Amino acid sequence: MTEPIVGWIWGRNLHAFLRLLSHYAGYDFDDTDWETVEAGVQETDDEALDGWYSYPLVGTSATLSVALARAVCGEEVAVSVTGAETLELRLRTDTLLSAFAGI
């Protein structure tokens, strides 16, 4: 098993991040998925070990687990992605994190 890919993104970019990551995993991330994630991250806390929310993306090319937690006093969302086993998927995931932290 590979190491998780960790980083942060702006909260406003979470939906787009998950849609693109799901696409790379071969998973059809729909409105129901988004509503579930949106509700799940509301009470998260990136400073608490048990304050994270995890959501599975079970696709045709990869099974990813995405752990999310909001910053206590900010607009950032901490992200940890496990299950990205191929070099290509690891690179894409890391690139998405970098891109959505920058815009």
N, C-alpha and C. Protein backbone atom coordinates (compact mmCIF):
# COMPACT_ATOMS: atom_id res chain seq x y z
N MET A 1 0.84 -1.19 0.00
CA MET A 1 0.00 0.00 0.00
C MET A 1 0.88 1.24 0.00
N THR A 2 0.49 2.21 -0.79
CA THR A 2 1.26 3.44 -0.91
C THR A 2 0.86 4.43 0.18
N GLU A 3 1.72 5.39 0.38
CA GLU A 3 1.47 6.46 1.35
C GLU A 3 0.30 7.32 0.88
N PRO A 4 -0.46 7.87 1.83
CA PRO A 4 -1.54 8.80 1.44
C PRO A 4 -0.95 10.06 0.79
N ILE A 5 -1.74 10.66 -0.05
CA ILE A 5 -1.38 11.93 -0.66
C ILE A 5 -2.14 12.99 0.13
N VAL A 6 -1.40 13.90 0.74
CA VAL A 6 -2.03 14.87 1.63
C VAL A 6 -1.76 16.29 1.17
N GLY A 7 -2.66 17.17 1.53
CA GLY A 7 -2.52 18.58 1.22
C GLY A 7 -3.77 19.31 1.67
N TRP A 8 -3.99 20.44 1.08
CA TRP A 8 -5.18 21.22 1.39
C TRP A 8 -5.64 21.94 0.13
N ILE A 9 -6.92 22.29 0.13
CA ILE A 9 -7.50 23.08 -0.96
C ILE A 9 -8.43 24.11 -0.34
N TRP A 10 -8.79 25.09 -1.11
CA TRP A 10 -9.80 26.04 -0.65
C TRP A 10 -11.14 25.34 -0.65
N GLY A 11 -11.95 25.60 0.38
CA GLY A 11 -13.26 24.97 0.50
C GLY A 11 -14.15 25.17 -0.71
N ARG A 12 -14.04 26.33 -1.34
CA ARG A 12 -14.88 26.63 -2.52
C ARG A 12 -14.55 25.71 -3.69
N ASN A 13 -13.38 25.04 -3.65
CA ASN A 13 -12.96 24.16 -4.73
C ASN A 13 -13.23 22.68 -4.46
N LEU A 14 -13.82 22.37 -3.32
CA LEU A 14 -13.98 20.96 -2.94
C LEU A 14 -14.82 20.18 -3.93
N HIS A 15 -15.92 20.74 -4.38
CA HIS A 15 -16.79 20.03 -5.32
C HIS A 15 -16.04 19.71 -6.61
N ALA A 16 -15.38 20.69 -7.18
CA ALA A 16 -14.64 20.48 -8.43
C ALA A 16 -13.51 19.46 -8.23
N PHE A 17 -12.81 19.55 -7.10
CA PHE A 17 -11.74 18.61 -6.79
C PHE A 17 -12.28 17.18 -6.79
N LEU A 18 -13.38 16.96 -6.08
CA LEU A 18 -13.94 15.61 -5.98
C LEU A 18 -14.48 15.10 -7.32
N ARG A 19 -15.06 15.97 -8.11
CA ARG A 19 -15.54 15.55 -9.44
C ARG A 19 -14.39 15.12 -10.33
N LEU A 20 -13.31 15.87 -10.34
CA LEU A 20 -12.16 15.50 -11.17
C LEU A 20 -11.45 14.26 -10.65
N LEU A 21 -11.25 14.19 -9.34
CA LEU A 21 -10.61 13.01 -8.76
C LEU A 21 -11.44 11.76 -9.04
N SER A 22 -12.75 11.88 -8.92
CA SER A 22 -13.64 10.75 -9.22
C SER A 22 -13.50 10.32 -10.68
N HIS A 23 -13.42 11.29 -11.57
CA HIS A 23 -13.25 10.99 -13.00
C HIS A 23 -11.99 10.15 -13.22
N TYR A 24 -10.90 10.53 -12.57
CA TYR A 24 -9.65 9.79 -12.73
C TYR A 24 -9.73 8.38 -12.15
N ALA A 25 -10.59 8.19 -11.16
CA ALA A 25 -10.78 6.87 -10.56
C ALA A 25 -11.82 6.03 -11.32
N GLY A 26 -12.51 6.68 -12.26
CA GLY A 26 -13.56 5.98 -12.99
C GLY A 26 -14.86 5.88 -12.22
N TYR A 27 -15.11 6.89 -11.39
CA TYR A 27 -16.32 6.92 -10.57
C TYR A 27 -17.19 8.09 -11.01
N ASP A 28 -18.49 7.87 -11.11
CA ASP A 28 -19.42 8.93 -11.51
C ASP A 28 -19.92 9.66 -10.27
N PHE A 29 -19.22 10.74 -9.91
CA PHE A 29 -19.57 11.55 -8.74
C PHE A 29 -20.76 12.42 -9.10
N ASP A 30 -21.91 12.16 -8.46
CA ASP A 30 -23.12 12.88 -8.82
C ASP A 30 -23.58 13.82 -7.70
N ASP A 31 -24.77 14.41 -7.89
CA ASP A 31 -25.29 15.37 -6.92
C ASP A 31 -25.54 14.74 -5.55
N THR A 32 -25.95 13.48 -5.52
CA THR A 32 -26.18 12.80 -4.25
C THR A 32 -24.87 12.64 -3.49
N ASP A 33 -23.81 12.28 -4.21
CA ASP A 33 -22.48 12.19 -3.58
C ASP A 33 -22.10 13.53 -2.98
N TRP A 34 -22.29 14.60 -3.76
CA TRP A 34 -21.90 15.93 -3.28
C TRP A 34 -22.69 16.33 -2.05
N GLU A 35 -24.00 16.09 -2.04
CA GLU A 35 -24.81 16.43 -0.88
C GLU A 35 -24.34 15.68 0.36
N THR A 36 -23.96 14.42 0.18
CA THR A 36 -23.47 13.61 1.29
C THR A 36 -22.16 14.16 1.84
N VAL A 37 -21.22 14.47 0.94
CA VAL A 37 -19.93 15.01 1.36
C VAL A 37 -20.10 16.38 1.99
N GLU A 38 -20.89 17.22 1.37
CA GLU A 38 -21.11 18.58 1.88
C GLU A 38 -21.64 18.54 3.32
N ALA A 39 -22.58 17.64 3.58
CA ALA A 39 -23.10 17.50 4.94
C ALA A 39 -22.05 16.90 5.88
N GLY A 40 -21.28 15.95 5.37
CA GLY A 40 -20.30 15.25 6.20
C GLY A 40 -19.15 16.13 6.67
N VAL A 41 -18.75 17.09 5.87
CA VAL A 41 -17.60 17.92 6.26
C VAL A 41 -17.99 19.11 7.14
N GLN A 42 -19.27 19.36 7.32
CA GLN A 42 -19.71 20.54 8.07
C GLN A 42 -19.14 20.61 9.47
N GLU A 43 -19.14 19.52 10.18
CA GLU A 43 -18.70 19.52 11.58
C GLU A 43 -17.28 18.97 11.76
N THR A 44 -16.48 18.99 10.71
CA THR A 44 -15.12 18.46 10.80
C THR A 44 -14.17 19.49 11.40
N ASP A 45 -13.02 19.01 11.82
CA ASP A 45 -12.01 19.85 12.46
C ASP A 45 -10.64 19.26 12.13
N ASP A 46 -9.85 20.00 11.36
CA ASP A 46 -8.56 19.47 10.93
C ASP A 46 -7.54 19.35 12.06
N GLU A 47 -7.86 19.89 13.22
CA GLU A 47 -6.94 19.79 14.35
C GLU A 47 -7.28 18.64 15.29
N ALA A 48 -8.38 17.95 15.04
CA ALA A 48 -8.81 16.83 15.89
C ALA A 48 -8.58 15.51 15.16
N LEU A 49 -7.95 14.55 15.83
CA LEU A 49 -7.68 13.26 15.20
C LEU A 49 -8.96 12.57 14.74
N ASP A 50 -10.02 12.71 15.51
CA ASP A 50 -11.29 12.08 15.14
C ASP A 50 -12.25 13.07 14.50
N GLY A 51 -11.73 14.18 14.01
CA GLY A 51 -12.56 15.23 13.44
C GLY A 51 -12.63 15.22 11.92
N TRP A 52 -12.21 14.13 11.30
CA TRP A 52 -12.18 14.05 9.85
C TRP A 52 -13.38 13.26 9.32
N TYR A 53 -13.76 13.53 8.08
CA TYR A 53 -14.83 12.81 7.39
C TYR A 53 -14.22 12.08 6.20
N SER A 54 -14.54 10.80 6.06
CA SER A 54 -14.02 10.01 4.94
C SER A 54 -15.14 9.62 3.99
N TYR A 55 -14.80 9.65 2.71
CA TYR A 55 -15.76 9.28 1.67
C TYR A 55 -15.07 8.39 0.65
N PRO A 56 -15.68 7.25 0.32
CA PRO A 56 -15.07 6.35 -0.67
C PRO A 56 -15.45 6.74 -2.09
N LEU A 57 -14.49 6.59 -2.98
CA LEU A 57 -14.73 6.76 -4.41
C LEU A 57 -14.36 5.42 -5.05
N VAL A 58 -15.35 4.58 -5.26
CA VAL A 58 -15.11 3.24 -5.80
C VAL A 58 -15.38 3.27 -7.29
N GLY A 59 -14.31 3.38 -8.06
CA GLY A 59 -14.45 3.52 -9.49
C GLY A 59 -14.02 2.28 -10.25
N THR A 60 -14.07 2.38 -11.56
CA THR A 60 -13.70 1.26 -12.42
C THR A 60 -12.19 1.08 -12.53
N SER A 61 -11.43 2.13 -12.25
CA SER A 61 -9.97 2.03 -12.36
C SER A 61 -9.25 2.17 -11.03
N ALA A 62 -9.93 2.61 -9.98
CA ALA A 62 -9.29 2.75 -8.66
C ALA A 62 -10.36 2.87 -7.58
N THR A 63 -9.98 2.47 -6.38
CA THR A 63 -10.82 2.67 -5.21
C THR A 63 -10.06 3.60 -4.28
N LEU A 64 -10.58 4.79 -4.12
CA LEU A 64 -9.92 5.81 -3.31
C LEU A 64 -10.74 6.09 -2.06
N SER A 65 -10.05 6.44 -1.00
CA SER A 65 -10.70 6.93 0.21
C SER A 65 -10.20 8.36 0.41
N VAL A 66 -11.14 9.27 0.47
CA VAL A 66 -10.81 10.68 0.62
C VAL A 66 -11.23 11.14 2.01
N ALA A 67 -10.25 11.53 2.82
CA ALA A 67 -10.53 12.06 4.16
C ALA A 67 -10.44 13.58 4.10
N LEU A 68 -11.43 14.24 4.71
CA LEU A 68 -11.55 15.69 4.61
C LEU A 68 -11.79 16.29 5.99
N ALA A 69 -11.24 17.48 6.20
CA ALA A 69 -11.49 18.22 7.44
C ALA A 69 -11.31 19.70 7.20
N ARG A 70 -12.26 20.47 7.67
CA ARG A 70 -12.19 21.92 7.52
C ARG A 70 -11.22 22.53 8.52
N ALA A 71 -10.57 23.61 8.11
CA ALA A 71 -9.73 24.38 9.03
C ALA A 71 -10.64 25.07 10.03
N VAL A 72 -10.20 25.11 11.27
CA VAL A 72 -11.03 25.67 12.34
C VAL A 72 -11.37 27.13 12.09
N CYS A 73 -10.40 27.92 11.75
CA CYS A 73 -10.63 29.37 11.59
C CYS A 73 -10.27 29.83 10.17
N GLY A 74 -10.59 29.02 9.19
CA GLY A 74 -10.24 29.40 7.83
C GLY A 74 -11.17 28.79 6.81
N GLU A 75 -10.82 29.00 5.56
CA GLU A 75 -11.62 28.50 4.46
C GLU A 75 -10.99 27.28 3.80
N GLU A 76 -9.89 26.79 4.37
CA GLU A 76 -9.19 25.65 3.79
C GLU A 76 -9.83 24.33 4.22
N VAL A 77 -9.66 23.32 3.38
CA VAL A 77 -10.07 21.96 3.70
C VAL A 77 -8.83 21.08 3.56
N ALA A 78 -8.46 20.39 4.64
CA ALA A 78 -7.36 19.45 4.59
C ALA A 78 -7.85 18.19 3.88
N VAL A 79 -6.97 17.60 3.07
CA VAL A 79 -7.35 16.44 2.26
C VAL A 79 -6.28 15.37 2.40
N SER A 80 -6.72 14.11 2.52
CA SER A 80 -5.83 12.96 2.51
C SER A 80 -6.47 11.90 1.63
N VAL A 81 -5.76 11.48 0.58
CA VAL A 81 -6.29 10.50 -0.37
C VAL A 81 -5.45 9.23 -0.28
N THR A 82 -6.11 8.13 0.00
CA THR A 82 -5.44 6.83 -0.01
C THR A 82 -6.03 5.98 -1.12
N GLY A 83 -5.23 5.05 -1.60
CA GLY A 83 -5.68 4.13 -2.65
C GLY A 83 -5.17 4.48 -4.03
N ALA A 84 -4.47 5.60 -4.17
CA ALA A 84 -3.90 5.97 -5.47
C ALA A 84 -2.62 5.15 -5.66
N GLU A 85 -2.76 3.98 -6.28
CA GLU A 85 -1.65 3.04 -6.35
C GLU A 85 -0.75 3.26 -7.57
N THR A 86 -1.28 3.78 -8.66
CA THR A 86 -0.45 3.96 -9.85
C THR A 86 0.25 5.31 -9.81
N LEU A 87 1.38 5.37 -10.46
CA LEU A 87 2.14 6.63 -10.53
C LEU A 87 1.30 7.72 -11.19
N GLU A 88 0.58 7.36 -12.24
CA GLU A 88 -0.25 8.34 -12.95
C GLU A 88 -1.33 8.92 -12.03
N LEU A 89 -2.02 8.07 -11.29
CA LEU A 89 -3.08 8.54 -10.41
C LEU A 89 -2.51 9.35 -9.24
N ARG A 90 -1.35 8.96 -8.74
CA ARG A 90 -0.71 9.73 -7.67
C ARG A 90 -0.35 11.13 -8.17
N LEU A 91 0.20 11.20 -9.37
CA LEU A 91 0.58 12.49 -9.95
C LEU A 91 -0.65 13.36 -10.20
N ARG A 92 -1.71 12.78 -10.73
CA ARG A 92 -2.93 13.54 -10.97
C ARG A 92 -3.53 14.06 -9.67
N THR A 93 -3.54 13.22 -8.65
CA THR A 93 -4.09 13.63 -7.35
C THR A 93 -3.28 14.77 -6.76
N ASP A 94 -1.97 14.64 -6.79
CA ASP A 94 -1.10 15.69 -6.27
C ASP A 94 -1.27 16.99 -7.06
N THR A 95 -1.41 16.88 -8.36
CA THR A 95 -1.61 18.06 -9.20
C THR A 95 -2.94 18.74 -8.88
N LEU A 96 -4.00 17.96 -8.68
CA LEU A 96 -5.29 18.54 -8.30
C LEU A 96 -5.18 19.30 -6.98
N LEU A 97 -4.50 18.71 -6.01
CA LEU A 97 -4.32 19.38 -4.72
C LEU A 97 -3.59 20.71 -4.90
N SER A 98 -2.53 20.70 -5.67
CA SER A 98 -1.76 21.93 -5.90
C SER A 98 -2.61 22.97 -6.62
N ALA A 99 -3.33 22.53 -7.64
CA ALA A 99 -4.13 23.47 -8.43
C ALA A 99 -5.24 24.10 -7.60
N PHE A 100 -5.96 23.29 -6.82
CA PHE A 100 -7.09 23.81 -6.07
C PHE A 100 -6.69 24.51 -4.79
N ALA A 101 -5.42 24.47 -4.44
CA ALA A 101 -4.92 25.30 -3.33
C ALA A 101 -4.48 26.66 -3.87
N GLY A 102 -4.24 26.72 -5.17
CA GLY A 102 -3.71 27.95 -5.75
C GLY A 102 -4.74 28.88 -6.34
N ILE A 103 -5.97 28.39 -6.53
CA ILE A 103 -6.97 29.26 -7.16
C ILE A 103 -8.18 29.46 -6.27
